[in-house]
Every structure is written in structure tokens, then in C-alpha cells.
């Protein structure tokens, strides 16, 4: 007889993927030095290839980096990198080029902490803790006011149809929301002041596209009717009292969106001119 399993552990819910994080950057050359040379990621060769924007592939996920006044995400983005062991050397290679910016990095206990030239914070991990995922964006963590985690978890459960729980951890109370296989949004309570919101956003794909829209629209929370396949909202509210809890723009996409789950090109950052190995240019990440 087959074993007994907790089937809920395999539930993803209505949000099937966290597709990208979008922050403005003022200089595409500096962004290239940081995201491509330093982090070892890949510029999308097919879309946004001019100087007005840059899409950076991280496995099946992306950073979107339009040229504009810099934005700083309130929180930190977690990445799994297949080339984790080579990361310190790659980051060190761009230190001089990024001198005079906020660029910094340090090797911590289980990750490498990295700060972008404009202050965006990343935590980079080796593959392993996220199953067979070898390259990707595994979480975005936001600081929220004390007492907000429970309402945020209820918002995602009841409005967005996403599994969400509240946990007490060594670093504080946190709402953890499932937004894809091996992907989470984490809202961690803090007593520190919350930085003003500057308009950065995240993009998600959801299966039940109309249900959340109806709830949000009825309460005046839809901020942009982008098109047939997409809408946006900013305010996360308590679903019972409508009290505002946090602001982060969600670019909500349907599964019929033309770009839904399109395959992304990822290079092997170990390839070098002097040590070139034929047939090893591309890296095909496991989806996890």
C-alpha cells in the first residue's frame, strides 16, 4: 500500500509564478556591469534590447530595469544561482567599475549578500534547499509594520487564492505567501520605520484571473486596467476591515497573456574566451 502523504504540501494555489521584479535604473551600462558581469545573469536577447530598458533573465524569472530615476525595492530579493561558487570572484571583478556607487557584497553563513549600485539588496544561494531548482528567483521579502502579517496572509488567501501562513521566526513574525513552485512573498514584521514606496513592482501569473479582479474593482483597488490579459493593484488591505497594510504594485497577468511562461535564454557564465568549451554556451535551468 502506498504511503500517506500530506497533499497540501504540493499545493501552489491561484498564483502560479512570480515572473519579475521591476525597478528603475538610471544607467544601463552600470546595470550591465552589475547584473550581467557581476551576478553572472543573462540579458534577454529578444525583448527590450535597446537602451530604454533591460530585461535580465534568472532561470524562468526576470528583473526588469527601465531607464529612469532609480528605485529601491523595500526589502530583499532571494536568488538561487547555479554558479554560486564562482560568485565572489565575479563580484570582485566589477568592484573598480562600480566604485563610487552603493555596490557591496559579503559572504554570510548560507548566502552571499549583495547590494546593487543603487541600493537594492539581494541574497544569493547555492542550489539545494529549493529542491531541483538550479537558477531562479525564490522569494521577495518586504518589511511590514508590526501586526500586519496576519491581515496580509488573509488577503492573499481570501482575495488572491494563494496559500499563506503566519510564522514566528527568529527574525520576527512573517506572513509567507506561495506564489509559484519554490517561490514566496515574505512580509516580515518590523518595529523600524517603513521606507516610502517609490513605485517598484512585481509581476505574477494567476489562474483565476477574474475573481480577484472583481473583488479589487468593487473596492476601488484596481489601479490600472492594462489590457485584456493584465491589470494592476497597489494596496494590500485587510479583507475584513479594508484597513491598508502595505503597498507594492502587483502586475497581474492571466495565463492567456502572450508572454505567459515563455522560455528564457540563460547563458553559462563560466564560458570564457581563453577557456572556451564547445557546446557549453547555454545553461538550461531546472524549473524546480
Protein backbone atom coordinates (compact mmCIF):
# COMPACT_ATOMS: atom_id res chain seq x y z
CA UNK A 1 0.00 0.00 0.00
CA UNK A 2 1.30 3.46 -0.84
CA UNK A 3 2.49 5.74 1.94
CA UNK A 4 0.45 8.52 3.48
CA UNK A 5 1.25 12.00 2.23
CA UNK A 6 0.26 15.49 3.23
CA UNK A 7 -1.12 16.53 -0.15
CA UNK A 8 -1.36 20.16 0.95
CA UNK A 9 2.42 20.42 0.76
CA UNK A 10 2.15 20.26 -3.03
CA UNK A 11 -0.49 23.00 -3.30
CA UNK A 12 0.59 26.11 -5.18
CA UNK A 13 -2.75 27.88 -5.29
CA UNK A 14 -4.01 30.51 -7.68
CA UNK A 15 -0.71 32.39 -8.12
CA UNK A 16 1.36 30.14 -10.37
CA UNK A 17 4.52 32.22 -10.73
CA UNK A 18 6.32 35.33 -9.58
CA UNK A 19 7.54 36.38 -13.02
CA UNK A 20 9.59 39.51 -12.46
CA UNK A 21 10.68 42.31 -10.15
CA UNK A 22 10.76 45.76 -11.77
CA UNK A 23 12.97 48.60 -10.51
CA UNK A 24 14.11 51.64 -12.45
CA UNK A 25 17.83 52.20 -13.02
CA UNK A 26 19.46 55.41 -14.29
CA UNK A 27 22.28 53.84 -16.31
CA UNK A 28 22.13 50.71 -18.46
CA UNK A 29 25.90 50.35 -18.65
CA UNK A 30 26.23 50.23 -14.87
CA UNK A 31 23.28 47.84 -14.72
CA UNK A 32 25.04 45.56 -17.21
CA UNK A 33 28.21 45.55 -15.13
CA UNK A 34 26.26 44.59 -12.03
CA UNK A 35 23.58 42.16 -13.25
CA UNK A 36 25.41 40.52 -16.17
CA UNK A 37 29.12 40.66 -15.33
CA UNK A 38 28.91 40.71 -11.54
CA UNK A 39 25.96 38.43 -10.84
CA UNK A 40 26.53 36.30 -13.94
CA UNK A 41 22.96 36.63 -15.19
CA UNK A 42 21.75 36.92 -18.80
CA UNK A 43 20.23 39.81 -20.71
CA UNK A 44 17.11 38.77 -22.59
CA UNK A 45 18.23 38.78 -26.25
CA UNK A 46 14.73 39.04 -27.69
CA UNK A 47 12.83 41.76 -25.81
CA UNK A 48 13.84 45.25 -24.60
CA UNK A 49 17.25 45.19 -26.26
CA UNK A 50 17.61 48.97 -26.60
CA UNK A 51 18.90 51.49 -24.06
CA UNK A 52 15.48 52.39 -22.65
CA UNK A 53 15.05 49.12 -20.73
CA UNK A 54 16.84 45.89 -19.90
CA UNK A 55 15.30 42.53 -19.02
CA UNK A 56 17.62 40.24 -17.08
CA UNK A 57 16.89 36.50 -17.06
CA UNK A 58 17.22 34.45 -13.87
CA UNK A 59 16.19 30.99 -14.98
CA UNK A 60 12.45 31.27 -15.68
CA UNK A 61 12.21 34.64 -13.91
CA UNK A 62 13.43 38.17 -14.59
CA UNK A 63 14.46 41.59 -13.38
CA UNK A 64 13.00 44.43 -15.45
CA UNK A 65 15.20 47.54 -15.39
CA UNK A 66 13.70 50.53 -17.24
CA UNK A 67 15.90 53.61 -17.56
CA UNK A 68 14.64 56.27 -15.17
CA UNK A 69 15.26 57.74 -11.72
CA UNK A 70 16.47 54.80 -9.60
CA UNK A 71 14.01 52.86 -7.48
CA UNK A 72 14.89 50.80 -4.44
CA UNK A 73 12.78 47.80 -3.51
CA UNK A 74 11.80 47.89 0.14
CA UNK A 75 13.22 44.57 1.22
CA UNK A 76 15.38 41.91 -0.40
CA UNK A 77 15.21 39.52 -3.36
CA UNK A 78 16.35 35.90 -2.95
CA UNK A 79 18.09 34.20 -5.88
CA UNK A 80 19.36 30.67 -6.46
CA UNK A 81 22.43 30.67 -8.71
CA UNK A 82 23.93 27.62 -10.37
CA UNK A 83 27.32 29.37 -10.42
CA UNK A 84 27.21 30.23 -6.70
CA UNK A 85 30.80 29.10 -6.03
CA UNK A 86 32.13 31.50 -8.67
CA UNK A 87 30.02 34.43 -7.48
CA UNK A 88 32.57 36.09 -5.15
CA UNK A 89 35.16 36.24 -7.93
CA UNK A 90 32.60 37.63 -10.39
CA UNK A 91 31.51 40.32 -7.94
CA UNK A 92 35.09 41.24 -7.16
CA UNK A 93 35.77 41.64 -10.89
CA UNK A 94 33.38 44.61 -11.11
CA UNK A 95 34.42 46.35 -7.89
CA UNK A 96 36.52 49.00 -9.64
CA UNK A 97 33.92 49.64 -12.34
CA UNK A 98 31.22 50.14 -9.69
CA UNK A 99 33.37 52.26 -7.36
CA UNK A 100 31.52 55.29 -6.06
CA UNK A 101 28.13 53.53 -6.09
CA UNK A 102 26.35 51.63 -3.32
CA UNK A 103 27.65 48.31 -4.67
CA UNK A 104 28.77 45.95 -1.90
CA UNK A 105 28.85 42.25 -1.16
CA UNK A 106 29.73 39.90 1.69
CA UNK A 107 29.81 36.15 2.25
CA UNK A 108 27.35 35.24 5.02
CA UNK A 109 26.59 31.91 6.69
CA UNK A 110 24.43 30.39 3.96
CA UNK A 111 24.29 33.06 1.28
CA UNK A 112 26.12 35.93 -0.37
CA UNK A 113 24.58 39.30 0.47
CA UNK A 114 24.80 41.73 -2.43
CA UNK A 115 23.80 45.38 -2.79
CA UNK A 116 23.24 46.86 -6.25
CA UNK A 117 24.80 50.18 -7.31
CA UNK A 118 21.53 51.90 -6.33
CA UNK A 119 20.86 50.14 -3.04
CA UNK A 120 18.71 47.15 -4.00
CA UNK A 121 19.52 44.19 -1.77
CA UNK A 122 19.85 40.57 -2.88
CA UNK A 123 20.59 37.29 -1.14
CA UNK A 124 22.20 34.69 -3.39
CA UNK A 125 22.13 30.97 -2.56
CA UNK A 126 23.57 27.75 -3.91
CA UNK A 127 21.13 25.20 -5.35
CA UNK A 128 19.87 22.63 -2.87
CA UNK A 129 17.35 23.99 -0.36
CA UNK A 130 14.79 24.63 -3.12
CA UNK A 131 14.63 21.10 -4.49
CA UNK A 132 15.86 20.73 -8.06
CA UNK A 133 15.72 24.45 -8.79
CA UNK A 134 19.16 25.47 -10.02
CA UNK A 135 18.61 29.05 -11.19
CA UNK A 136 15.76 31.35 -10.28
CA UNK A 137 14.09 33.96 -8.12
CA UNK A 138 12.83 32.20 -4.99
CA UNK A 139 11.45 34.99 -2.86
CA UNK A 140 10.89 38.67 -2.38
CA UNK A 141 10.85 39.75 1.27
CA UNK A 142 9.29 43.01 2.43
CA UNK A 143 9.38 44.73 5.85
CA UNK A 144 5.89 45.50 7.17
CA UNK A 145 4.51 47.17 10.27
CA UNK A 146 4.08 45.20 13.48
CA UNK A 147 0.72 43.44 13.50
CA UNK A 148 0.30 43.47 9.70
CA UNK A 149 1.31 39.89 8.90
CA UNK A 150 -1.98 38.23 9.81
CA UNK A 151 -4.09 40.57 7.66
CA UNK A 152 -1.67 40.23 4.75
CA UNK A 153 -1.87 36.44 4.90
CA UNK A 154 -5.68 36.62 4.96
CA UNK A 155 -5.65 38.98 1.97
CA UNK A 156 -3.67 36.57 -0.17
CA UNK A 157 -5.70 33.57 0.95
CA UNK A 158 -9.17 35.06 0.53
CA UNK A 159 -8.63 37.55 -2.32
CA UNK A 160 -5.81 36.08 -4.40
CA UNK A 161 -6.42 32.39 -3.66
CA UNK A 162 -2.83 31.77 -2.59
CA UNK A 163 -1.75 29.55 0.31
CA UNK A 164 -0.42 31.82 3.05
CA UNK A 165 0.63 31.31 6.65
CA UNK A 166 1.94 33.37 9.54
CA UNK A 167 5.02 32.06 11.32
CA UNK A 168 7.05 33.19 14.30
CA UNK A 169 10.73 33.05 13.36
CA UNK A 170 14.00 34.12 14.93
CA UNK A 171 13.94 37.25 12.79
CA UNK A 172 10.33 38.09 13.64
CA UNK A 173 6.72 37.35 12.71
CA UNK A 174 6.29 36.80 8.97
CA UNK A 175 3.50 36.14 6.51
CA UNK A 176 4.65 33.65 3.88
CA UNK A 177 2.68 33.52 0.63
CA UNK A 178 3.12 30.80 -2.01
CA UNK A 179 3.47 32.48 -5.43
CA UNK A 180 4.81 29.62 -7.54
CA UNK A 181 6.74 26.40 -7.20
CA UNK A 182 9.61 27.17 -4.79
CA UNK A 183 8.59 30.86 -4.76
CA UNK A 184 7.32 33.01 -1.90
CA UNK A 185 6.42 36.53 -0.98
CA UNK A 186 7.55 37.12 2.60
CA UNK A 187 6.17 40.01 4.65
CA UNK A 188 8.27 40.31 7.83
CA UNK A 189 7.09 42.50 10.68
CA UNK A 190 9.49 45.13 11.99
CA UNK A 191 9.45 47.94 14.52
CA UNK A 192 11.65 50.08 12.28
CA UNK A 193 10.15 52.80 10.08
CA UNK A 194 8.97 51.59 6.65
CA UNK A 195 10.65 53.45 3.80
CA UNK A 196 8.34 55.44 1.49
CA UNK A 197 7.08 53.49 -1.51
CA UNK A 198 8.67 54.64 -4.79
CA UNK A 199 6.62 52.66 -7.33
CA UNK A 200 8.68 49.49 -7.96
CA UNK A 201 6.55 46.45 -8.77
CA UNK A 202 6.30 42.69 -9.04
CA UNK A 203 4.54 40.63 -11.73
CA UNK A 204 2.55 37.46 -11.09
CA UNK A 205 0.61 34.96 -13.20
CA UNK A 206 -2.70 33.74 -11.82
CA UNK A 207 -5.13 31.05 -12.94
CA UNK A 208 -8.36 32.62 -11.66
CA UNK A 209 -7.88 35.99 -13.32
CA UNK A 210 -11.37 37.46 -12.99
CA UNK A 211 -12.16 36.56 -9.37
CA UNK A 212 -9.51 38.71 -7.67
CA UNK A 213 -10.17 41.49 -10.19
CA UNK A 214 -13.85 41.59 -9.27
CA UNK A 215 -13.06 41.83 -5.55
CA UNK A 216 -10.45 44.55 -6.07
CA UNK A 217 -12.54 46.53 -8.54
CA UNK A 218 -15.57 46.51 -6.27
CA UNK A 219 -13.44 48.19 -3.60
CA UNK A 220 -11.74 50.66 -5.92
CA UNK A 221 -8.33 48.99 -5.60
CA UNK A 222 -7.57 48.31 -9.28
CA UNK A 223 -5.09 51.00 -10.27
CA UNK A 224 -4.60 50.14 -13.95
CA UNK A 225 -6.67 48.24 -16.49
CA UNK A 226 -3.62 47.44 -18.59
CA UNK A 227 -5.34 45.35 -21.25
CA UNK A 228 -7.29 42.17 -21.83
CA UNK A 229 -4.65 40.00 -20.19
CA UNK A 230 -3.41 42.25 -17.38
CA UNK A 231 -4.38 44.63 -14.59
CA UNK A 232 -2.59 46.19 -11.62
CA UNK A 233 -3.23 46.95 -7.98
CA UNK A 234 -1.04 48.50 -5.28
CA UNK A 235 -2.73 48.33 -1.86
CA UNK A 236 -2.76 45.17 0.25
CA UNK A 237 -5.67 45.58 2.66
CA UNK A 238 -7.26 43.65 5.49
CA UNK A 239 -10.03 41.75 3.66
CA UNK A 240 -12.42 42.21 6.60
CA UNK A 241 -11.84 45.84 7.60
CA UNK A 242 -10.21 47.19 4.39
CA UNK A 243 -7.50 48.75 6.56
CA UNK A 244 -4.36 49.38 4.44
CA UNK A 245 -1.47 47.07 5.36
CA UNK A 246 1.25 47.53 2.72
CA UNK A 247 1.83 48.95 -0.73
CA UNK A 248 3.51 47.07 -3.56
CA UNK A 249 2.25 47.23 -7.12
CA UNK A 250 1.21 43.85 -8.49
CA UNK A 251 1.22 43.45 -12.27
CA UNK A 252 -1.37 40.68 -12.50
CA UNK A 253 -1.27 38.58 -15.67
CA UNK A 254 -3.60 35.86 -16.94
CA UNK A 255 -2.38 32.51 -18.22
CA UNK A 256 -3.56 33.64 -21.67
CA UNK A 257 -1.09 36.54 -21.60
CA UNK A 258 1.08 36.31 -24.75
CA UNK A 259 4.24 36.14 -22.63
CA UNK A 260 3.00 33.58 -20.12
CA UNK A 261 5.78 31.13 -19.30
CA UNK A 262 7.76 31.92 -22.43
CA UNK A 263 11.14 30.11 -22.48
CA UNK A 264 14.03 32.35 -21.43
CA UNK A 265 17.63 32.16 -22.63
CA UNK A 266 20.21 31.64 -19.89
CA UNK A 267 23.93 31.55 -20.56
CA UNK A 268 26.64 29.59 -18.85
CA UNK A 269 28.67 32.34 -17.12
CA UNK A 270 31.67 30.02 -16.81
CA UNK A 271 32.38 30.33 -20.53
CA UNK A 272 35.46 32.48 -21.18
CA UNK A 273 37.32 33.23 -24.39
CA UNK A 274 40.56 31.66 -23.19
CA UNK A 275 38.89 28.60 -21.66
CA UNK A 276 36.06 28.18 -24.14
CA UNK A 277 34.41 24.74 -24.21
CA UNK A 278 32.42 23.96 -27.34
CA UNK A 279 28.76 23.18 -26.76
CA UNK A 280 28.58 24.68 -23.26
CA UNK A 281 27.37 28.19 -24.03
CA UNK A 282 23.82 27.73 -22.82
CA UNK A 283 22.56 26.81 -19.38
CA UNK A 284 19.20 25.07 -19.09
CA UNK A 285 17.92 25.53 -15.55
CA UNK A 286 15.61 23.03 -13.93
CA UNK A 287 12.24 24.62 -13.33
CA UNK A 288 12.18 23.29 -9.77
